[in-house]
Amino acid sequence: MEALLEKLIELQASSPTFRIAFRTKCLNQFVAFAKVFISRALVLETGPNQGVVTRFVDKYSHFATMLALDQATPTNQVQEVGIA
């Protein structure tokens, strides 16, 4: 999941075509999945898993901020991401 976020951040920064994709429900589905992942992973974040969720949340926040600052992202989707 962390690698997926890293790739999304890279594509968001480098590809105008990719940013257009978030005018669809793609973003809403990703956000829903990320929220479920975070809530379930928090329960398991012990021992060798410690820090995994924290890194994911940091990267998710970075990606969400990039989306919020991108004028190609509609306002309602910015709110869904959880930044606005």
Protein backbone atom coordinates (compact mmCIF):
# COMPACT_ATOMS: atom_id res chain seq x y z
CA MET A 1 0.00 0.00 0.00
CA GLU A 2 2.87 2.33 0.80
CA ALA A 3 4.47 1.66 -2.61
CA LEU A 4 1.15 2.44 -4.30
CA LEU A 5 0.99 5.82 -2.55
CA GLU A 6 4.57 6.59 -3.56
CA LYS A 7 3.69 5.91 -7.20
CA LEU A 8 0.53 8.02 -6.98
CA ILE A 9 2.55 10.92 -5.55
CA GLU A 10 5.07 10.58 -8.37
CA LEU A 11 2.36 10.48 -11.04
CA GLN A 12 0.46 13.39 -9.49
CA ALA A 13 3.61 15.50 -9.61
CA SER A 14 4.66 14.56 -13.13
CA SER A 15 1.59 13.84 -15.26
CA PRO A 16 -1.18 16.31 -16.12
CA THR A 17 -3.10 13.45 -17.71
CA PHE A 18 -2.98 11.46 -14.49
CA ARG A 19 -4.39 14.42 -12.53
CA ILE A 20 -7.40 14.52 -14.83
CA ALA A 21 -8.23 10.95 -13.77
CA PHE A 22 -9.22 12.24 -10.35
CA ARG A 23 -12.21 14.04 -11.81
CA THR A 24 -13.88 10.63 -11.74
CA LYS A 25 -14.93 8.36 -8.88
CA CYS A 26 -11.44 6.88 -8.88
CA LEU A 27 -10.39 9.23 -6.10
CA ASN A 28 -13.46 8.50 -4.01
CA GLN A 29 -12.79 4.76 -4.20
CA PHE A 30 -9.14 5.22 -3.29
CA VAL A 31 -10.00 7.46 -0.32
CA ALA A 32 -12.55 4.95 0.97
CA PHE A 33 -10.01 2.14 0.69
CA ALA A 34 -7.27 4.19 2.38
CA LYS A 35 -9.53 5.06 5.32
CA VAL A 36 -10.45 1.39 5.85
CA PHE A 37 -6.80 0.36 5.54
CA ILE A 38 -5.72 2.95 8.11
CA SER A 39 -8.45 2.06 10.61
CA ARG A 40 -7.72 -1.67 10.42
CA ALA A 41 -3.97 -1.31 10.35
CA LEU A 42 -3.95 0.83 13.49
CA VAL A 43 -5.20 -2.20 15.41
CA LEU A 44 -2.29 -4.30 14.12
CA GLU A 45 0.46 -1.73 14.55
CA THR A 46 2.58 -3.50 17.14
CA GLY A 47 5.93 -5.26 17.14
CA PRO A 48 7.44 -5.54 13.68
CA ASN A 49 4.53 -3.58 12.16
CA GLN A 50 5.22 -0.51 14.28
CA GLY A 51 5.66 2.54 12.10
CA VAL A 52 4.05 1.10 8.98
CA VAL A 53 0.75 2.88 9.51
CA THR A 54 2.51 6.09 10.51
CA ARG A 55 4.50 6.10 7.26
CA PHE A 56 1.35 5.36 5.28
CA VAL A 57 -0.60 8.17 6.96
CA ASP A 58 2.27 10.59 6.30
CA LYS A 59 2.36 9.66 2.62
CA TYR A 60 -1.43 9.74 2.38
CA SER A 61 -1.41 13.24 3.89
CA HIS A 62 1.26 14.33 1.40
CA PHE A 63 -0.77 12.94 -1.51
CA ALA A 64 -3.99 14.50 -0.21
CA THR A 65 -2.30 17.88 0.12
CA MET A 66 -1.03 17.62 -3.46
CA LEU A 67 -4.59 16.90 -4.61
CA ALA A 68 -6.00 19.77 -2.58
CA LEU A 69 -3.55 22.21 -4.10
CA ASP A 70 -4.17 20.99 -7.65
CA GLN A 71 -6.77 23.09 -9.40
CA ALA A 72 -7.73 20.05 -11.49
CA THR A 73 -9.27 18.44 -8.39
CA PRO A 74 -12.91 19.44 -7.87
CA THR A 75 -13.75 21.01 -4.49
CA ASN A 76 -16.10 18.21 -3.45
CA GLN A 77 -13.31 15.68 -3.98
CA VAL A 78 -10.84 17.79 -2.02
CA GLN A 79 -13.29 17.66 0.88
CA GLU A 80 -13.63 13.87 0.50
CA VAL A 81 -9.86 13.45 0.80
CA GLY A 82 -10.09 15.11 4.19
CA ILE A 83 -7.91 18.17 3.74
CA ALA A 84 -10.44 20.98 3.30
